[in-house]
Amino acid sequence: MTRSLRHARPDPGMADDGDALNFCSTCAFSSACISQGYDKASLQELHVLVDHVGPFPEGSELFREGDPFNAIAAVRAGMVKTYVTDTHGREKVLGFYLPGEIIGLNAIHSERYPCNAVALNTVMLCRFSFPKMAMLATRMPGLQQQLFRLLSADIGKAHLLAGDFSADERMAAFLLSLSRRYAQRGYSAQRFHLAMPRTDIANYLSLAPETVSRVLRRFQSEGILQVDRRDFEILDMDGLHALARDILRD
């Protein structure tokens, strides 16, 4: 049965909520609040807007395309995939979200979720009432700026692979983007586990699954990457960056 953000219940067994002064380590808004001089104890008004929900087992639908929008959610643990399905039942993967990243931002304009979101492994979420958060943001410039940054980052990810790039360039940019996002959240930039299957990676990169497998084998033979099923280790960060330069523009 579908457990959407609208109906999910707080999880009483998840206790990793920082302490009296500190937010969760993966909180997407803690830096904005702290920079404005608000710690957790002094920000009761924000804290009551947050529900810790889950766990959602692998395969759980977090929201469906067309569901009414009233909340955004930060991934607290696990990985989330967003996708749409066309009239022929074909799936198009839109993105993958790591701990600390926000899902649901693309629903703000239409007030309905324009895509589906599914848990790729066991997922925990922090659910934020968006109407109340938007109201609070008008009184907290730092929080408002953080919302704008998150929206900008979400748009940037959506256009990451829109150009006419080679399979090697697409794969390199994908891996380097993940590496940077993991590093920003305190995880290893070189070694990470990907919860999604190769078919999802291929779909997201607009490549054939066999092309993805071939590129990964070539990256291994060239000493750029070590792959063991879904465990990845980047061996040559400079080489990966050279391949991804035209996509990432840095």
C-alpha atoms as a PDB file:
ATOM      1  CA  MET A   1       0.000   0.000   0.000  1.00  0.00           C
ATOM      2  CA  THR A   2       1.297   3.469  -0.879  1.00  0.00           C
ATOM      3  CA  ARG A   3       2.573   5.541   2.038  1.00  0.00           C
ATOM      4  CA  SER A   4       2.708   9.128   0.793  1.00  0.00           C
ATOM      5  CA  LEU A   5       4.219  12.137   2.512  1.00  0.00           C
ATOM      6  CA  ARG A   6       0.692  13.209   3.340  1.00  0.00           C
ATOM      7  CA  HIS A   7      -0.051  10.075   5.319  1.00  0.00           C
ATOM      8  CA  ALA A   8       3.324   9.068   6.710  1.00  0.00           C
ATOM      9  CA  ARG A   9       3.593   8.997  10.480  1.00  0.00           C
ATOM     10  CA  PRO A  10       6.519  10.133  12.600  1.00  0.00           C
ATOM     11  CA  ASP A  11       8.841   7.273  13.509  1.00  0.00           C
ATOM     12  CA  PRO A  12       9.237   7.056  17.300  1.00  0.00           C
ATOM     13  CA  GLY A  13      12.179   4.657  16.991  1.00  0.00           C
ATOM     14  CA  MET A  14      14.483   7.064  15.165  1.00  0.00           C
ATOM     15  CA  ALA A  15      16.306   8.991  17.905  1.00  0.00           C
ATOM     16  CA  ASP A  16      19.188  10.602  15.997  1.00  0.00           C
ATOM     17  CA  ASP A  17      17.783  14.116  16.335  1.00  0.00           C
ATOM     18  CA  GLY A  18      20.892  15.995  17.419  1.00  0.00           C
ATOM     19  CA  ASP A  19      20.545  17.424  20.906  1.00  0.00           C
ATOM     20  CA  ALA A  20      19.083  20.442  22.666  1.00  0.00           C
ATOM     21  CA  LEU A  21      21.225  22.830  20.598  1.00  0.00           C
ATOM     22  CA  ASN A  22      22.033  20.951  17.400  1.00  0.00           C
ATOM     23  CA  PHE A  23      19.925  19.889  14.444  1.00  0.00           C
ATOM     24  CA  CYS A  24      20.205  16.515  12.695  1.00  0.00           C
ATOM     25  CA  SER A  25      23.554  16.104  10.982  1.00  0.00           C
ATOM     26  CA  THR A  26      21.822  15.767   7.593  1.00  0.00           C
ATOM     27  CA  CYS A  27      19.449  18.735   8.062  1.00  0.00           C
ATOM     28  CA  ALA A  28      19.197  20.733   4.850  1.00  0.00           C
ATOM     29  CA  PHE A  29      18.354  23.940   6.714  1.00  0.00           C
ATOM     30  CA  SER A  30      20.562  23.868   9.827  1.00  0.00           C
ATOM     31  CA  SER A  31      23.360  25.993   8.317  1.00  0.00           C
ATOM     32  CA  ALA A  32      20.871  28.666   7.277  1.00  0.00           C
ATOM     33  CA  CYS A  33      19.328  28.739  10.741  1.00  0.00           C
ATOM     34  CA  ILE A  34      22.653  28.773  12.578  1.00  0.00           C
ATOM     35  CA  SER A  35      23.998  31.565  10.349  1.00  0.00           C
ATOM     36  CA  GLN A  36      21.013  33.666  11.423  1.00  0.00           C
ATOM     37  CA  GLY A  37      21.770  33.042  15.099  1.00  0.00           C
ATOM     38  CA  TYR A  38      19.090  30.408  15.677  1.00  0.00           C
ATOM     39  CA  ASP A  39      19.994  27.191  17.455  1.00  0.00           C
ATOM     40  CA  LYS A  40      17.537  24.347  17.880  1.00  0.00           C
ATOM     41  CA  ALA A  41      16.439  25.458  21.335  1.00  0.00           C
ATOM     42  CA  SER A  42      15.639  28.998  20.155  1.00  0.00           C
ATOM     43  CA  LEU A  43      13.915  27.855  16.978  1.00  0.00           C
ATOM     44  CA  GLN A  44      10.919  26.048  18.424  1.00  0.00           C
ATOM     45  CA  GLU A  45       8.720  27.606  15.776  1.00  0.00           C
ATOM     46  CA  LEU A  46      10.659  25.862  13.024  1.00  0.00           C
ATOM     47  CA  HIS A  47      11.189  22.587  14.843  1.00  0.00           C
ATOM     48  CA  VAL A  48       7.466  21.924  15.259  1.00  0.00           C
ATOM     49  CA  LEU A  49       7.138  22.084  11.473  1.00  0.00           C
ATOM     50  CA  VAL A  50       9.316  18.983  11.110  1.00  0.00           C
ATOM     51  CA  ASP A  51       8.121  15.388  11.301  1.00  0.00           C
ATOM     52  CA  HIS A  52      10.557  12.489  11.148  1.00  0.00           C
ATOM     53  CA  VAL A  53       8.762   9.894   9.030  1.00  0.00           C
ATOM     54  CA  GLY A  54       9.605   6.340   8.037  1.00  0.00           C
ATOM     55  CA  PRO A  55      11.197   3.955   7.736  1.00  0.00           C
ATOM     56  CA  PHE A  56      10.013   3.391   4.172  1.00  0.00           C
ATOM     57  CA  PRO A  57      11.156  -0.034   2.880  1.00  0.00           C
ATOM     58  CA  GLU A  58      12.776  -0.407  -0.535  1.00  0.00           C
ATOM     59  CA  GLY A  59      10.192   0.102  -3.268  1.00  0.00           C
ATOM     60  CA  SER A  60       7.853   2.271  -1.189  1.00  0.00           C
ATOM     61  CA  GLU A  61       6.177   5.090  -3.077  1.00  0.00           C
ATOM     62  CA  LEU A  62       6.748   8.355  -1.207  1.00  0.00           C
ATOM     63  CA  PHE A  63       4.444  10.354  -3.454  1.00  0.00           C
ATOM     64  CA  ARG A  64       2.813   9.908  -6.838  1.00  0.00           C
ATOM     65  CA  GLU A  65       2.510  12.205  -9.803  1.00  0.00           C
ATOM     66  CA  GLY A  66      -0.606  14.338  -9.335  1.00  0.00           C
ATOM     67  CA  ASP A  67      -0.751  14.052  -5.544  1.00  0.00           C
ATOM     68  CA  PRO A  68      -1.624  17.378  -3.862  1.00  0.00           C
ATOM     69  CA  PHE A  69       1.470  19.232  -2.651  1.00  0.00           C
ATOM     70  CA  ASN A  70       1.683  20.465   0.921  1.00  0.00           C
ATOM     71  CA  ALA A  71       5.152  19.421   2.046  1.00  0.00           C
ATOM     72  CA  ILE A  72       8.742  19.075   0.985  1.00  0.00           C
ATOM     73  CA  ALA A  73      10.946  16.410   2.528  1.00  0.00           C
ATOM     74  CA  ALA A  74      14.631  16.073   3.276  1.00  0.00           C
ATOM     75  CA  VAL A  75      16.131  12.621   2.845  1.00  0.00           C
ATOM     76  CA  ARG A  76      17.421  11.704   6.279  1.00  0.00           C
ATOM     77  CA  ALA A  77      18.758   8.253   5.394  1.00  0.00           C
ATOM     78  CA  GLY A  78      18.794   6.129   2.258  1.00  0.00           C
ATOM     79  CA  MET A  79      18.362   7.114  -1.388  1.00  0.00           C
ATOM     80  CA  VAL A  80      15.279   8.255  -3.305  1.00  0.00           C
ATOM     81  CA  LYS A  81      14.586   8.071  -7.043  1.00  0.00           C
ATOM     82  CA  THR A  82      12.196  10.425  -8.840  1.00  0.00           C
ATOM     83  CA  TYR A  83      10.686   9.492 -12.196  1.00  0.00           C
ATOM     84  CA  VAL A  84       7.765   9.971 -14.572  1.00  0.00           C
ATOM     85  CA  THR A  85       5.933   7.426 -16.713  1.00  0.00           C
ATOM     86  CA  ASP A  86       4.635   8.177 -20.215  1.00  0.00           C
ATOM     87  CA  THR A  87       1.371   7.036 -21.775  1.00  0.00           C
ATOM     88  CA  HIS A  88       3.048   3.826 -22.995  1.00  0.00           C
ATOM     89  CA  GLY A  89       4.202   2.927 -19.485  1.00  0.00           C
ATOM     90  CA  ARG A  90       7.832   3.830 -20.162  1.00  0.00           C
ATOM     91  CA  GLU A  91       9.730   5.207 -17.184  1.00  0.00           C
ATOM     92  CA  LYS A  92      12.078   8.191 -17.296  1.00  0.00           C
ATOM     93  CA  VAL A  93      14.356   8.663 -14.287  1.00  0.00           C
ATOM     94  CA  LEU A  94      14.637  12.321 -13.260  1.00  0.00           C
ATOM     95  CA  GLY A  95      17.063  12.135 -10.372  1.00  0.00           C
ATOM     96  CA  PHE A  96      18.510  10.469  -7.299  1.00  0.00           C
ATOM     97  CA  TYR A  97      18.500  12.096  -3.847  1.00  0.00           C
ATOM     98  CA  LEU A  98      20.985  11.528  -1.029  1.00  0.00           C
ATOM     99  CA  PRO A  99      20.751  12.256   2.725  1.00  0.00           C
ATOM    100  CA  GLY A 100      20.358  15.997   3.271  1.00  0.00           C
ATOM    101  CA  GLU A 101      18.799  16.611  -0.164  1.00  0.00           C
ATOM    102  CA  ILE A 102      15.241  17.802  -0.700  1.00  0.00           C
ATOM    103  CA  ILE A 103      12.464  16.109  -2.677  1.00  0.00           C
ATOM    104  CA  GLY A 104       9.268  17.866  -3.698  1.00  0.00           C
ATOM    105  CA  LEU A 105      10.651  21.287  -4.658  1.00  0.00           C
ATOM    106  CA  ASN A 106       9.407  20.928  -8.234  1.00  0.00           C
ATOM    107  CA  ALA A 107       5.805  20.794  -6.945  1.00  0.00           C
ATOM    108  CA  ILE A 108       5.742  24.356  -5.613  1.00  0.00           C
ATOM    109  CA  HIS A 109       4.422  26.021  -8.767  1.00  0.00           C
ATOM    110  CA  SER A 110       1.584  23.635  -9.680  1.00  0.00           C
ATOM    111  CA  GLU A 111       0.796  22.643  -6.071  1.00  0.00           C
ATOM    112  CA  ARG A 112       0.815  19.021  -7.207  1.00  0.00           C
ATOM    113  CA  TYR A 113       3.753  16.626  -7.393  1.00  0.00           C
ATOM    114  CA  PRO A 114       4.792  16.447 -11.079  1.00  0.00           C
ATOM    115  CA  CYS A 115       6.592  13.116 -10.689  1.00  0.00           C
ATOM    116  CA  ASN A 116       6.786   9.949  -8.609  1.00  0.00           C
ATOM    117  CA  ALA A 117       9.260   9.302  -5.807  1.00  0.00           C
ATOM    118  CA  VAL A 118      10.300   5.819  -4.661  1.00  0.00           C
ATOM    119  CA  ALA A 119      12.665   4.528  -1.966  1.00  0.00           C
ATOM    120  CA  LEU A 120      15.661   2.708  -3.485  1.00  0.00           C
ATOM    121  CA  ASN A 121      16.552   1.241  -0.095  1.00  0.00           C
ATOM    122  CA  THR A 122      15.307   1.855   3.448  1.00  0.00           C
ATOM    123  CA  VAL A 123      14.560   5.576   3.596  1.00  0.00           C
ATOM    124  CA  MET A 124      13.942   8.000   6.443  1.00  0.00           C
ATOM    125  CA  LEU A 125      12.587  11.480   5.764  1.00  0.00           C
ATOM    126  CA  CYS A 126      12.169  14.806   7.524  1.00  0.00           C
ATOM    127  CA  ARG A 127       8.842  16.230   6.378  1.00  0.00           C
ATOM    128  CA  PHE A 128       8.454  20.034   6.326  1.00  0.00           C
ATOM    129  CA  SER A 129       5.077  21.762   6.048  1.00  0.00           C
ATOM    130  CA  PHE A 130       5.819  23.994   3.080  1.00  0.00           C
ATOM    131  CA  PRO A 131       3.107  26.652   3.662  1.00  0.00           C
ATOM    132  CA  LYS A 132       4.340  27.217   7.220  1.00  0.00           C
ATOM    133  CA  MET A 133       7.989  27.118   6.179  1.00  0.00           C
ATOM    134  CA  ALA A 134       7.347  29.681   3.420  1.00  0.00           C
ATOM    135  CA  MET A 135       5.672  31.935   5.979  1.00  0.00           C
ATOM    136  CA  LEU A 136       8.606  31.566   8.362  1.00  0.00           C
ATOM    137  CA  ALA A 137      11.077  32.258   5.532  1.00  0.00           C
ATOM    138  CA  THR A 138       9.609  35.748   5.087  1.00  0.00           C
ATOM    139  CA  ARG A 139      10.894  36.539   8.586  1.00  0.00           C
ATOM    140  CA  MET A 140      14.208  34.700   8.193  1.00  0.00           C
ATOM    141  CA  PRO A 141      16.237  35.929   5.193  1.00  0.00           C
ATOM    142  CA  GLY A 142      18.791  33.151   5.647  1.00  0.00           C
ATOM    143  CA  LEU A 143      16.118  30.471   5.422  1.00  0.00           C
ATOM    144  CA  GLN A 144      14.618  32.136   2.365  1.00  0.00           C
ATOM    145  CA  GLN A 145      18.039  32.233   0.681  1.00  0.00           C
ATOM    146  CA  GLN A 146      18.564  28.546   1.460  1.00  0.00           C
ATOM    147  CA  LEU A 147      15.240  27.694  -0.181  1.00  0.00           C
ATOM    148  CA  PHE A 148      16.348  29.615  -3.272  1.00  0.00           C
ATOM    149  CA  ARG A 149      19.689  27.756  -3.268  1.00  0.00           C
ATOM    150  CA  LEU A 150      17.926  24.408  -3.058  1.00  0.00           C
ATOM    151  CA  LEU A 151      15.608  25.342  -5.915  1.00  0.00           C
ATOM    152  CA  SER A 152      18.579  26.455  -8.010  1.00  0.00           C
ATOM    153  CA  ALA A 153      20.492  23.238  -7.258  1.00  0.00           C
ATOM    154  CA  ASP A 154      17.445  21.155  -8.170  1.00  0.00           C
ATOM    155  CA  ILE A 155      17.130  22.952 -11.510  1.00  0.00           C
ATOM    156  CA  GLY A 156      20.866  22.506 -12.085  1.00  0.00           C
ATOM    157  CA  LYS A 157      20.651  18.745 -11.565  1.00  0.00           C
ATOM    158  CA  ALA A 158      17.731  18.535 -13.984  1.00  0.00           C
ATOM    159  CA  HIS A 159      19.775  20.188 -16.759  1.00  0.00           C
ATOM    160  CA  LEU A 160      23.071  18.453 -15.976  1.00  0.00           C
ATOM    161  CA  LEU A 161      22.883  16.032 -18.906  1.00  0.00           C
ATOM    162  CA  ALA A 162      20.701  17.957 -21.349  1.00  0.00           C
ATOM    163  CA  GLY A 163      23.470  18.523 -23.941  1.00  0.00           C
ATOM    164  CA  ASP A 164      24.870  16.324 -26.693  1.00  0.00           C
ATOM    165  CA  PHE A 165      27.607  14.568 -24.728  1.00  0.00           C
ATOM    166  CA  SER A 166      29.340  11.220 -25.141  1.00  0.00           C
ATOM    167  CA  ALA A 167      28.651   8.209 -22.943  1.00  0.00           C
ATOM    168  CA  ASP A 168      32.047   8.614 -21.254  1.00  0.00           C
ATOM    169  CA  GLU A 169      31.346  12.270 -20.490  1.00  0.00           C
ATOM    170  CA  ARG A 170      27.883  11.521 -19.107  1.00  0.00           C
ATOM    171  CA  MET A 171      29.106   8.726 -16.854  1.00  0.00           C
ATOM    172  CA  ALA A 172      32.066  10.762 -15.618  1.00  0.00           C
ATOM    173  CA  ALA A 173      29.837  13.753 -14.802  1.00  0.00           C
ATOM    174  CA  PHE A 174      27.345  11.507 -13.024  1.00  0.00           C
ATOM    175  CA  LEU A 175      29.998   9.885 -10.842  1.00  0.00           C
ATOM    176  CA  LEU A 176      31.796  13.151 -10.115  1.00  0.00           C
ATOM    177  CA  SER A 177      28.520  14.862  -9.182  1.00  0.00           C
ATOM    178  CA  LEU A 178      27.704  12.034  -6.761  1.00  0.00           C
ATOM    179  CA  SER A 179      31.225  12.195  -5.349  1.00  0.00           C
ATOM    180  CA  ARG A 180      30.891  15.905  -4.626  1.00  0.00           C
ATOM    181  CA  ARG A 181      27.418  15.552  -3.134  1.00  0.00           C
ATOM    182  CA  TYR A 182      28.572  12.754  -0.829  1.00  0.00           C
ATOM    183  CA  ALA A 183      31.602  14.814   0.233  1.00  0.00           C
ATOM    184  CA  GLN A 184      29.395  17.818   1.041  1.00  0.00           C
ATOM    185  CA  ARG A 185      27.500  15.610   3.476  1.00  0.00           C
ATOM    186  CA  GLY A 186      30.573  14.298   5.249  1.00  0.00           C
ATOM    187  CA  TYR A 187      30.852  10.991   3.391  1.00  0.00           C
ATOM    188  CA  SER A 188      33.795   9.719   1.361  1.00  0.00           C
ATOM    189  CA  ALA A 189      34.274  11.395  -2.008  1.00  0.00           C
ATOM    190  CA  GLN A 190      36.156   8.361  -3.352  1.00  0.00           C
ATOM    191  CA  ARG A 191      34.146   5.379  -2.127  1.00  0.00           C
ATOM    192  CA  PHE A 192      30.370   5.055  -2.115  1.00  0.00           C
ATOM    193  CA  HIS A 193      27.586   2.513  -2.521  1.00  0.00           C
ATOM    194  CA  LEU A 194      24.880   3.182  -5.102  1.00  0.00           C
ATOM    195  CA  ALA A 195      21.453   1.813  -4.315  1.00  0.00           C
ATOM    196  CA  MET A 196      20.123   2.097  -7.863  1.00  0.00           C
ATOM    197  CA  PRO A 197      20.518  -0.688 -10.475  1.00  0.00           C
ATOM    198  CA  ARG A 198      22.492  -0.155 -13.691  1.00  0.00           C
ATOM    199  CA  THR A 199      19.228   0.123 -15.625  1.00  0.00           C
ATOM    200  CA  ASP A 200      18.251   3.192 -13.586  1.00  0.00           C
ATOM    201  CA  ILE A 201      21.653   4.791 -14.168  1.00  0.00           C
ATOM    202  CA  ALA A 202      21.328   4.122 -17.897  1.00  0.00           C
ATOM    203  CA  ASN A 203      17.808   5.538 -17.971  1.00  0.00           C
ATOM    204  CA  TYR A 204      18.891   8.696 -16.149  1.00  0.00           C
ATOM    205  CA  LEU A 205      21.870   9.221 -18.467  1.00  0.00           C
ATOM    206  CA  SER A 206      19.805   8.429 -21.594  1.00  0.00           C
ATOM    207  CA  LEU A 207      22.102   5.530 -22.422  1.00  0.00           C
ATOM    208  CA  ALA A 208      21.540   1.847 -23.136  1.00  0.00           C
ATOM    209  CA  PRO A 209      22.263  -0.444 -20.144  1.00  0.00           C
ATOM    210  CA  GLU A 210      24.930  -2.284 -22.149  1.00  0.00           C
ATOM    211  CA  THR A 211      26.610   1.065 -22.862  1.00  0.00           C
ATOM    212  CA  VAL A 212      26.764   1.829 -19.152  1.00  0.00           C
ATOM    213  CA  SER A 213      28.342  -1.555 -18.462  1.00  0.00           C
ATOM    214  CA  ARG A 214      30.841  -1.062 -21.287  1.00  0.00           C
ATOM    215  CA  VAL A 215      31.856   2.415 -20.067  1.00  0.00           C
ATOM    216  CA  LEU A 216      32.322   1.182 -16.505  1.00  0.00           C
ATOM    217  CA  ARG A 217      34.501  -1.689 -17.718  1.00  0.00           C
ATOM    218  CA  ARG A 218      36.604   0.740 -19.736  1.00  0.00           C
ATOM    219  CA  PHE A 219      36.969   3.096 -16.766  1.00  0.00           C
ATOM    220  CA  GLN A 220      38.185   0.137 -14.713  1.00  0.00           C
ATOM    221  CA  SER A 221      40.684  -0.978 -17.365  1.00  0.00           C
ATOM    222  CA  GLU A 222      42.042   2.591 -17.564  1.00  0.00           C
ATOM    223  CA  GLY A 223      42.484   2.780 -13.782  1.00  0.00           C
ATOM    224  CA  ILE A 224      39.887   5.520 -13.311  1.00  0.00           C
ATOM    225  CA  LEU A 225      37.430   3.468 -11.311  1.00  0.00           C
ATOM    226  CA  GLN A 226      37.066   0.259  -9.322  1.00  0.00           C
ATOM    227  CA  VAL A 227      33.597  -1.305  -9.334  1.00  0.00           C
ATOM    228  CA  ASP A 228      32.335  -4.238  -7.282  1.00  0.00           C
ATOM    229  CA  ARG A 229      28.642  -4.644  -8.062  1.00  0.00           C
ATOM    230  CA  ARG A 230      27.158  -1.465  -6.573  1.00  0.00           C
ATOM    231  CA  ASP A 231      30.280  -0.411  -4.666  1.00  0.00           C
ATOM    232  CA  PHE A 232      32.297   2.273  -6.472  1.00  0.00           C
ATOM    233  CA  GLU A 233      35.783   3.607  -5.767  1.00  0.00           C
ATOM    234  CA  ILE A 234      37.211   6.515  -7.750  1.00  0.00           C
ATOM    235  CA  LEU A 235      40.930   5.894  -8.310  1.00  0.00           C
ATOM    236  CA  ASP A 236      41.720   8.803 -10.636  1.00  0.00           C
ATOM    237  CA  MET A 237      39.730  11.900  -9.649  1.00  0.00           C
ATOM    238  CA  ASP A 238      41.679  14.112 -12.083  1.00  0.00           C
ATOM    239  CA  GLY A 239      40.964  11.766 -14.972  1.00  0.00           C
ATOM    240  CA  LEU A 240      37.270  11.715 -14.123  1.00  0.00           C
ATOM    241  CA  HIS A 241      37.230  15.506 -13.875  1.00  0.00           C
ATOM    242  CA  ALA A 242      38.899  15.850 -17.284  1.00  0.00           C
ATOM    243  CA  LEU A 243      36.150  13.754 -18.866  1.00  0.00           C
ATOM    244  CA  ALA A 244      33.336  15.626 -17.078  1.00  0.00           C
ATOM    245  CA  ARG A 245      34.683  19.156 -17.578  1.00  0.00           C
ATOM    246  CA  ASP A 246      32.438  20.158 -20.495  1.00  0.00           C
ATOM    247  CA  ILE A 247      29.277  19.033 -18.664  1.00  0.00           C
ATOM    248  CA  LEU A 248      30.068  20.354 -15.198  1.00  0.00           C
ATOM    249  CA  ARG A 249      31.636  23.533 -16.608  1.00  0.00           C
ATOM    250  CA  ASP A 250      34.430  23.761 -14.048  1.00  0.00           C
END
